[in-house]
């Protein structure tokens, strides 16, 4: 788990489960999916979610909110 996410969770007193040594890089998979479909990937997590009619909850680029939405 990236150190920034651990620190932000600790600073905001947010508990989180043990993720182990592996996690999924959703941005990379989304980008590869768009390229495979012959489309240009654009925007960040919030715009990717909007493409699938999902609402982003919280503040973009805040580690705990990004993790929750991912």
C-alpha atoms as a PDB file:
ATOM      1  CA  UNK A   1       0.000   0.000   0.000  1.00  0.00           C
ATOM      2  CA  UNK A   2       1.411   3.401  -0.893  1.00  0.00           C
ATOM      3  CA  UNK A   3       2.832   5.273   2.077  1.00  0.00           C
ATOM      4  CA  UNK A   4       0.814   8.413   1.258  1.00  0.00           C
ATOM      5  CA  UNK A   5      -2.449   6.514   1.701  1.00  0.00           C
ATOM      6  CA  UNK A   6      -1.348   4.993   5.017  1.00  0.00           C
ATOM      7  CA  UNK A   7      -0.293   8.419   6.289  1.00  0.00           C
ATOM      8  CA  UNK A   8      -3.511  10.103   5.219  1.00  0.00           C
ATOM      9  CA  UNK A   9      -5.621   7.394   6.864  1.00  0.00           C
ATOM     10  CA  UNK A  10      -3.596   7.767  10.067  1.00  0.00           C
ATOM     11  CA  UNK A  11      -3.816  11.595  10.001  1.00  0.00           C
ATOM     12  CA  UNK A  12      -7.592  11.487   9.519  1.00  0.00           C
ATOM     13  CA  UNK A  13      -8.005   8.695  12.079  1.00  0.00           C
ATOM     14  CA  UNK A  14      -9.608   6.421   9.500  1.00  0.00           C
ATOM     15  CA  UNK A  15      -9.317   2.697  10.170  1.00  0.00           C
ATOM     16  CA  UNK A  16      -8.548   0.413   7.262  1.00  0.00           C
ATOM     17  CA  UNK A  17      -8.182  -3.329   6.761  1.00  0.00           C
ATOM     18  CA  UNK A  18      -4.837  -4.947   6.101  1.00  0.00           C
ATOM     19  CA  UNK A  19      -4.408  -4.979   2.332  1.00  0.00           C
ATOM     20  CA  UNK A  20      -1.370  -7.239   2.248  1.00  0.00           C
ATOM     21  CA  UNK A  21       1.493  -6.778  -0.148  1.00  0.00           C
ATOM     22  CA  UNK A  22      -0.560  -6.429  -3.316  1.00  0.00           C
ATOM     23  CA  UNK A  23      -3.203  -4.029  -4.589  1.00  0.00           C
ATOM     24  CA  UNK A  24      -4.756  -3.297  -7.968  1.00  0.00           C
ATOM     25  CA  UNK A  25      -3.663  -0.227  -9.902  1.00  0.00           C
ATOM     26  CA  UNK A  26      -7.115   0.718 -11.192  1.00  0.00           C
ATOM     27  CA  UNK A  27      -5.847   3.638 -13.286  1.00  0.00           C
ATOM     28  CA  UNK A  28      -3.525   1.367 -15.270  1.00  0.00           C
ATOM     29  CA  UNK A  29      -6.275  -1.195 -15.908  1.00  0.00           C
ATOM     30  CA  UNK A  30      -8.727   1.551 -16.932  1.00  0.00           C
ATOM     31  CA  UNK A  31      -6.153   3.064 -19.303  1.00  0.00           C
ATOM     32  CA  UNK A  32      -5.373  -0.325 -20.869  1.00  0.00           C
ATOM     33  CA  UNK A  33      -9.102  -1.038 -21.235  1.00  0.00           C
ATOM     34  CA  UNK A  34      -9.685   2.251 -23.071  1.00  0.00           C
ATOM     35  CA  UNK A  35      -6.689   1.670 -25.364  1.00  0.00           C
ATOM     36  CA  UNK A  36      -7.872  -1.882 -26.111  1.00  0.00           C
ATOM     37  CA  UNK A  37     -11.241  -0.424 -27.173  1.00  0.00           C
ATOM     38  CA  UNK A  38      -9.442   2.020 -29.478  1.00  0.00           C
ATOM     39  CA  UNK A  39     -10.346   5.002 -27.297  1.00  0.00           C
ATOM     40  CA  UNK A  40      -8.174   7.663 -25.722  1.00  0.00           C
ATOM     41  CA  UNK A  41      -8.139   7.581 -21.918  1.00  0.00           C
ATOM     42  CA  UNK A  42      -8.954  10.964 -20.429  1.00  0.00           C
ATOM     43  CA  UNK A  43      -9.342  12.514 -17.008  1.00  0.00           C
ATOM     44  CA  UNK A  44      -8.963  10.989 -13.603  1.00  0.00           C
ATOM     45  CA  UNK A  45     -10.940   8.746 -11.304  1.00  0.00           C
ATOM     46  CA  UNK A  46     -13.933  11.078 -11.066  1.00  0.00           C
ATOM     47  CA  UNK A  47     -14.383  11.313 -14.850  1.00  0.00           C
ATOM     48  CA  UNK A  48     -13.795   7.557 -15.263  1.00  0.00           C
ATOM     49  CA  UNK A  49     -16.531   6.886 -12.722  1.00  0.00           C
ATOM     50  CA  UNK A  50     -18.872   9.340 -14.472  1.00  0.00           C
ATOM     51  CA  UNK A  51     -18.373   7.390 -17.699  1.00  0.00           C
ATOM     52  CA  UNK A  52     -19.943   4.403 -15.930  1.00  0.00           C
ATOM     53  CA  UNK A  53     -22.642   6.564 -14.305  1.00  0.00           C
ATOM     54  CA  UNK A  54     -21.038   6.301 -10.858  1.00  0.00           C
ATOM     55  CA  UNK A  55     -20.919   9.284  -8.516  1.00  0.00           C
ATOM     56  CA  UNK A  56     -17.624  10.218  -6.887  1.00  0.00           C
ATOM     57  CA  UNK A  57     -18.072  10.721  -3.154  1.00  0.00           C
ATOM     58  CA  UNK A  58     -15.729  13.113  -1.338  1.00  0.00           C
ATOM     59  CA  UNK A  59     -12.835  15.253  -2.499  1.00  0.00           C
ATOM     60  CA  UNK A  60     -10.803  14.196  -5.560  1.00  0.00           C
ATOM     61  CA  UNK A  61      -7.083  13.596  -4.951  1.00  0.00           C
ATOM     62  CA  UNK A  62      -7.637  13.054  -1.220  1.00  0.00           C
ATOM     63  CA  UNK A  63      -6.104   9.629  -0.598  1.00  0.00           C
ATOM     64  CA  UNK A  64      -8.848   8.205   1.613  1.00  0.00           C
ATOM     65  CA  UNK A  65     -11.667   9.429  -0.676  1.00  0.00           C
ATOM     66  CA  UNK A  66      -9.876   8.170  -3.793  1.00  0.00           C
ATOM     67  CA  UNK A  67      -9.329   4.788  -2.120  1.00  0.00           C
ATOM     68  CA  UNK A  68     -12.992   4.566  -1.069  1.00  0.00           C
ATOM     69  CA  UNK A  69     -14.247   5.415  -4.564  1.00  0.00           C
ATOM     70  CA  UNK A  70     -11.796   3.036  -6.203  1.00  0.00           C
END
